[in-house]
Amino acid sequence: MKSEQAYWRRSQLLWGVLLIVVGAVFLLDRLNIIYLRDYRQLWHYWPVIMVLFGINKLVTPVSAKQVLSGLWLIFFAAWWYVSYEELWNLSFYNSWPALLIAWGAGMVLEPLLNKHFMAYRESEHEK
């Protein structure tokens, strides 16, 4: 249960820091200390938030589902950014099959990760 509590604390910390940063940026803009020309420019970087939450799930995971969820968040954020910015000539139109591939890879990895976590839990009980 310690891992689950640590994950909860990290999630709370991540949300708290994220709200502080976003609030500080908007406050500094409203006080004319910094000038954000176009708030829509910030929209390009929202996938970074998903990456942070994906990494949070990967730090000391307690289950295969948590690992796959973290990997999915990171992959989806990267795919969204690449498609939105049309990097490497990839757009939403021509890159959506990558989501199917990632979904299939997750389905293949899940039993392997479940086996790993089961073996880890059994070794912890033997100690």
Protein backbone atom coordinates (compact mmCIF):
# COMPACT_ATOMS: atom_id res chain seq x y z
CA MET A 1 0.00 0.00 0.00
CA LYS A 2 2.97 2.33 0.41
CA SER A 3 3.38 2.55 -3.38
CA GLU A 4 -0.25 3.55 -3.83
CA GLN A 5 0.07 6.26 -1.18
CA ALA A 6 3.27 7.54 -2.81
CA TYR A 7 1.50 7.64 -6.18
CA TRP A 8 -1.41 9.57 -4.66
CA ARG A 9 0.99 12.07 -3.08
CA ARG A 10 2.87 12.53 -6.37
CA SER A 11 -0.43 13.08 -8.20
CA GLN A 12 -1.52 15.70 -5.66
CA LEU A 13 1.89 17.38 -5.91
CA LEU A 14 1.78 17.36 -9.70
CA TRP A 15 -1.73 18.86 -9.84
CA GLY A 16 -0.81 21.45 -7.22
CA VAL A 17 2.36 22.56 -9.01
CA LEU A 18 0.52 22.63 -12.33
CA LEU A 19 -2.22 24.89 -10.91
CA ILE A 20 0.36 27.17 -9.29
CA VAL A 21 2.32 27.56 -12.54
CA VAL A 22 -0.76 28.19 -14.68
CA GLY A 23 -2.16 30.63 -12.14
CA ALA A 24 1.17 32.45 -11.82
CA VAL A 25 1.51 32.81 -15.60
CA PHE A 26 -2.00 34.25 -15.94
CA LEU A 27 -1.51 36.55 -12.92
CA LEU A 28 1.79 37.87 -14.29
CA ASP A 29 0.08 38.48 -17.64
CA ARG A 30 -2.81 40.35 -15.97
CA LEU A 31 -0.34 42.49 -14.00
CA ASN A 32 1.52 43.29 -17.25
CA ILE A 33 4.74 41.80 -15.93
CA ILE A 34 4.83 39.35 -18.82
CA TYR A 35 2.87 39.64 -22.02
CA LEU A 36 1.20 36.67 -23.59
CA ARG A 37 0.31 37.80 -27.07
CA ASP A 38 -2.02 34.97 -27.87
CA TYR A 39 -3.36 32.46 -25.35
CA ARG A 40 -3.98 30.06 -28.20
CA GLN A 41 -0.22 29.60 -28.47
CA LEU A 42 -0.31 27.85 -25.10
CA TRP A 43 -2.70 25.26 -26.57
CA HIS A 44 0.21 23.80 -28.54
CA TYR A 45 1.89 22.69 -25.33
CA TRP A 46 -0.97 21.01 -23.46
CA PRO A 47 0.37 17.53 -24.34
CA VAL A 48 3.26 18.24 -21.95
CA ILE A 49 0.75 17.95 -19.10
CA MET A 50 -0.25 14.50 -20.32
CA VAL A 51 3.41 13.47 -20.54
CA LEU A 52 3.97 14.58 -16.95
CA PHE A 53 1.02 12.52 -15.74
CA GLY A 54 2.23 9.56 -17.79
CA ILE A 55 5.67 9.77 -16.22
CA ASN A 56 4.04 10.05 -12.80
CA LYS A 57 2.28 6.73 -13.42
CA LEU A 58 5.54 5.07 -14.48
CA VAL A 59 7.46 6.03 -11.34
CA THR A 60 7.18 3.04 -8.98
CA PRO A 61 4.11 1.49 -10.60
CA VAL A 62 1.99 -0.92 -8.58
CA SER A 63 0.23 -2.69 -11.45
CA ALA A 64 0.46 -3.51 -15.13
CA LYS A 65 -2.58 -1.30 -15.73
CA GLN A 66 -0.76 1.68 -14.24
CA VAL A 67 2.30 1.09 -16.46
CA LEU A 68 0.17 0.76 -19.59
CA SER A 69 -1.85 3.83 -18.63
CA GLY A 70 1.34 5.87 -18.22
CA LEU A 71 2.75 4.66 -21.53
CA TRP A 72 -0.56 5.37 -23.27
CA LEU A 73 -0.67 8.95 -21.92
CA ILE A 74 2.88 9.61 -23.11
CA PHE A 75 2.27 8.05 -26.53
CA PHE A 76 -1.06 9.83 -27.03
CA ALA A 77 0.44 13.20 -26.06
CA ALA A 78 3.35 12.69 -28.45
CA TRP A 79 1.01 11.58 -31.25
CA TRP A 80 -1.29 14.54 -30.68
CA TYR A 81 1.58 17.03 -30.73
CA VAL A 82 3.19 15.54 -33.84
CA SER A 83 -0.16 15.41 -35.66
CA TYR A 84 -1.25 18.89 -34.58
CA GLU A 85 2.04 20.47 -35.58
CA GLU A 86 2.23 18.23 -38.68
CA LEU A 87 5.79 17.22 -37.92
CA TRP A 88 7.37 14.73 -40.35
CA ASN A 89 4.37 15.28 -42.65
CA LEU A 90 2.12 13.46 -40.19
CA SER A 91 -1.39 14.77 -39.63
CA PHE A 92 -4.44 13.43 -37.84
CA TYR A 93 -5.64 12.11 -41.19
CA ASN A 94 -2.62 9.96 -42.00
CA SER A 95 -1.30 9.06 -38.55
CA TRP A 96 -4.40 7.71 -36.75
CA PRO A 97 -3.38 4.06 -37.44
CA ALA A 98 -0.54 4.63 -34.95
CA LEU A 99 -3.23 4.71 -32.24
CA LEU A 100 -4.41 1.24 -33.29
CA ILE A 101 -0.83 -0.03 -33.20
CA ALA A 102 -0.30 1.40 -29.71
CA TRP A 103 -3.58 -0.11 -28.53
CA GLY A 104 -2.56 -3.51 -29.88
CA ALA A 105 0.89 -3.22 -28.32
CA GLY A 106 -0.76 -2.50 -24.98
CA MET A 107 -2.92 -5.58 -25.33
CA VAL A 108 0.17 -7.70 -26.05
CA LEU A 109 2.17 -6.19 -23.17
CA GLU A 110 -0.56 -6.46 -20.54
CA PRO A 111 -0.26 -10.24 -19.88
CA LEU A 112 3.53 -9.97 -19.79
CA LEU A 113 3.41 -7.12 -17.31
CA ASN A 114 0.78 -8.87 -15.20
CA LYS A 115 3.07 -11.89 -14.99
CA HIS A 116 5.96 -9.65 -13.92
CA PHE A 117 3.94 -7.92 -11.20
CA MET A 118 2.56 -11.25 -9.92
CA ALA A 119 6.12 -12.63 -9.64
CA TYR A 120 7.25 -9.47 -7.87
CA ARG A 121 4.40 -9.64 -5.34
CA GLU A 122 5.13 -13.32 -4.65
CA SER A 123 8.82 -12.57 -4.05
CA GLU A 124 7.86 -9.74 -1.65
CA HIS A 125 5.64 -12.12 0.37
CA GLU A 126 8.48 -14.64 0.69
CA LYS A 127 10.71 -12.10 2.43
